[in-house]
N, C-alpha and C. Protein backbone atom coordinates (compact mmCIF):
# COMPACT_ATOMS: atom_id res chain seq x y z
N MET A 1 0.80 -1.20 0.04
CA MET A 1 0.00 0.00 0.03
C MET A 1 0.95 1.26 -0.07
N SER A 2 0.52 2.15 -0.80
CA SER A 2 1.34 3.44 -0.80
C SER A 2 0.51 4.56 -0.13
N ASP A 3 1.19 5.39 0.53
CA ASP A 3 0.62 6.50 1.21
C ASP A 3 0.68 7.78 0.30
N ARG A 4 -0.46 8.20 -0.36
CA ARG A 4 -0.55 9.29 -1.24
C ARG A 4 -0.03 10.58 -0.54
N ALA A 5 -0.25 10.75 0.71
CA ALA A 5 0.22 11.92 1.31
C ALA A 5 1.78 12.13 1.36
N ALA A 6 2.41 10.98 1.34
CA ALA A 6 3.85 10.94 1.39
C ALA A 6 4.46 10.90 -0.08
N ASP A 7 3.65 10.87 -0.99
CA ASP A 7 4.09 10.83 -2.47
C ASP A 7 4.44 12.28 -2.86
N PRO A 8 5.82 12.40 -3.23
CA PRO A 8 6.23 13.72 -3.55
C PRO A 8 5.81 14.17 -4.91
N GLU A 9 5.32 13.31 -5.76
CA GLU A 9 4.82 13.68 -7.05
C GLU A 9 3.40 14.25 -7.02
N PRO A 10 2.94 15.22 -7.69
CA PRO A 10 1.59 15.66 -7.71
C PRO A 10 0.85 14.66 -8.55
N PRO A 11 -0.49 14.54 -8.18
CA PRO A 11 -1.23 13.52 -8.94
C PRO A 11 -1.38 13.91 -10.42
N SER A 12 -1.63 12.90 -11.31
CA SER A 12 -1.74 13.18 -12.65
C SER A 12 -3.04 14.00 -12.91
N THR A 13 -3.14 14.62 -14.08
CA THR A 13 -4.31 15.52 -14.38
C THR A 13 -5.64 14.71 -14.22
N GLY A 14 -5.53 13.41 -14.56
CA GLY A 14 -6.82 12.63 -14.39
C GLY A 14 -7.19 12.44 -13.02
N ASP A 15 -6.39 12.69 -11.99
CA ASP A 15 -6.71 12.49 -10.66
C ASP A 15 -7.25 13.76 -9.99
N ARG A 16 -7.04 14.88 -10.57
CA ARG A 16 -7.47 16.16 -10.04
C ARG A 16 -8.82 16.50 -10.26
N VAL A 17 -9.46 17.07 -9.23
CA VAL A 17 -10.89 17.50 -9.30
C VAL A 17 -10.97 18.86 -9.86
N PRO A 18 -11.55 19.11 -10.91
CA PRO A 18 -11.68 20.54 -11.49
C PRO A 18 -12.37 21.44 -10.33
N GLU A 19 -11.84 22.71 -10.30
CA GLU A 19 -12.27 23.68 -9.34
C GLU A 19 -13.76 23.93 -9.55
N ASP A 20 -14.26 23.97 -10.77
CA ASP A 20 -15.67 24.26 -10.98
C ASP A 20 -16.53 23.19 -10.38
N LEU A 21 -16.08 21.95 -10.40
CA LEU A 21 -16.90 20.85 -9.84
C LEU A 21 -16.93 21.02 -8.28
N VAL A 22 -15.81 21.38 -7.75
CA VAL A 22 -15.68 21.57 -6.25
C VAL A 22 -16.69 22.70 -5.83
N SER A 23 -16.55 23.73 -6.66
CA SER A 23 -17.53 24.98 -6.35
C SER A 23 -18.95 24.46 -6.49
N ALA A 24 -19.24 23.80 -7.56
CA ALA A 24 -20.71 23.36 -7.74
C ALA A 24 -21.15 22.41 -6.52
N LEU A 25 -20.29 21.60 -6.08
CA LEU A 25 -20.58 20.79 -4.97
C LEU A 25 -20.78 21.56 -3.64
N ASP A 26 -19.97 22.57 -3.53
CA ASP A 26 -20.13 23.44 -2.37
C ASP A 26 -21.43 24.15 -2.34
N VAL A 27 -21.93 24.65 -3.56
CA VAL A 27 -23.07 25.28 -3.63
C VAL A 27 -24.25 24.37 -3.21
N ILE A 28 -24.18 23.12 -3.85
CA ILE A 28 -25.22 22.23 -3.59
C ILE A 28 -25.26 21.80 -2.03
N GLU A 29 -24.11 21.60 -1.49
CA GLU A 29 -24.07 21.20 -0.05
C GLU A 29 -24.60 22.35 0.88
N GLY A 30 -24.49 23.62 0.37
CA GLY A 30 -24.99 24.74 1.22
C GLY A 30 -26.50 24.90 1.18
N GLN A 31 -27.13 24.21 0.15
CA GLN A 31 -28.55 24.28 0.19
C GLN A 31 -29.26 23.41 1.15
N PRO A 32 -30.53 23.80 1.30
CA PRO A 32 -31.31 22.89 2.25
C PRO A 32 -31.41 21.57 1.78
N LEU A 33 -31.41 20.62 2.69
CA LEU A 33 -31.49 19.22 2.27
C LEU A 33 -32.54 18.81 1.20
N THR A 34 -33.74 19.46 1.33
CA THR A 34 -34.81 19.20 0.41
C THR A 34 -34.49 19.72 -1.10
N GLU A 35 -33.55 20.64 -1.27
CA GLU A 35 -33.23 21.18 -2.52
C GLU A 35 -32.04 20.53 -3.18
N ARG A 36 -31.35 19.74 -2.41
CA ARG A 36 -30.12 19.17 -2.95
C ARG A 36 -30.31 18.13 -4.04
N PRO A 37 -31.40 17.32 -4.02
CA PRO A 37 -31.45 16.32 -5.10
C PRO A 37 -31.56 17.03 -6.46
N ALA A 38 -32.23 18.09 -6.55
CA ALA A 38 -32.28 18.87 -7.79
C ALA A 38 -30.98 19.40 -8.25
N GLY A 39 -30.16 19.91 -7.30
CA GLY A 39 -28.78 20.36 -7.58
C GLY A 39 -27.96 19.18 -8.04
N TYR A 40 -28.03 18.11 -7.40
CA TYR A 40 -27.17 16.97 -7.90
C TYR A 40 -27.70 16.46 -9.19
N ALA A 41 -28.94 16.42 -9.50
CA ALA A 41 -29.49 16.00 -10.84
C ALA A 41 -29.01 17.00 -11.92
N ALA A 42 -28.95 18.24 -11.62
CA ALA A 42 -28.50 19.22 -12.65
C ALA A 42 -27.01 19.01 -12.85
N LEU A 43 -26.32 18.76 -11.80
CA LEU A 43 -24.77 18.57 -11.89
C LEU A 43 -24.56 17.32 -12.72
N HIS A 44 -25.27 16.27 -12.49
CA HIS A 44 -25.21 15.06 -13.15
C HIS A 44 -25.42 15.23 -14.71
N ASP A 45 -26.48 15.96 -14.95
CA ASP A 45 -26.77 16.31 -16.44
C ASP A 45 -25.66 17.00 -17.06
N GLU A 46 -25.11 18.01 -16.39
CA GLU A 46 -24.01 18.76 -16.88
C GLU A 46 -22.86 17.92 -17.28
N LEU A 47 -22.42 17.13 -16.28
CA LEU A 47 -21.24 16.35 -16.35
C LEU A 47 -21.47 15.24 -17.50
N ALA A 48 -22.66 14.73 -17.57
CA ALA A 48 -22.94 13.76 -18.72
C ALA A 48 -22.80 14.41 -20.07
N ARG A 49 -23.34 15.69 -20.18
CA ARG A 49 -23.16 16.49 -21.44
C ARG A 49 -21.72 16.67 -21.76
N ARG A 50 -20.87 17.03 -20.75
CA ARG A 50 -19.50 17.22 -20.99
C ARG A 50 -18.81 15.91 -21.43
N LEU A 51 -19.11 14.81 -20.75
CA LEU A 51 -18.56 13.53 -21.15
C LEU A 51 -18.92 13.13 -22.53
N ASP A 52 -20.24 13.24 -22.89
CA ASP A 52 -20.71 12.89 -24.21
C ASP A 52 -20.04 13.70 -25.24
N GLY A 53 -19.84 15.07 -24.98
CA GLY A 53 -19.14 15.94 -25.85
C GLY A 53 -17.67 15.60 -26.16
N SER A 54 -17.03 15.12 -25.05
CA SER A 54 -15.65 14.81 -25.18
C SER A 54 -15.40 13.54 -26.00
N GLU A 55 -16.31 12.63 -25.92
CA GLU A 55 -16.24 11.39 -26.62
C GLU A 55 -16.58 11.47 -28.07
N ALA A 56 -17.35 12.52 -28.48
CA ALA A 56 -17.75 12.71 -29.84
C ALA A 56 -16.60 13.16 -30.71
N GLY A 57 -15.62 13.80 -30.15
CA GLY A 57 -14.52 14.43 -30.91
C GLY A 57 -13.38 13.53 -30.90
């Protein structure tokens, strides 16, 4: 087992979480519990569109 905290190399680009995703999750988590499912659904739709668009090219 390797300890990622002790790894001197930064993670590869594929391992990094885009800042816009983190920001979107922060906004969703700040909403009342009853409103979060709609936020997660919208985020899911947006990520699916991005993924579909990247595979098309």
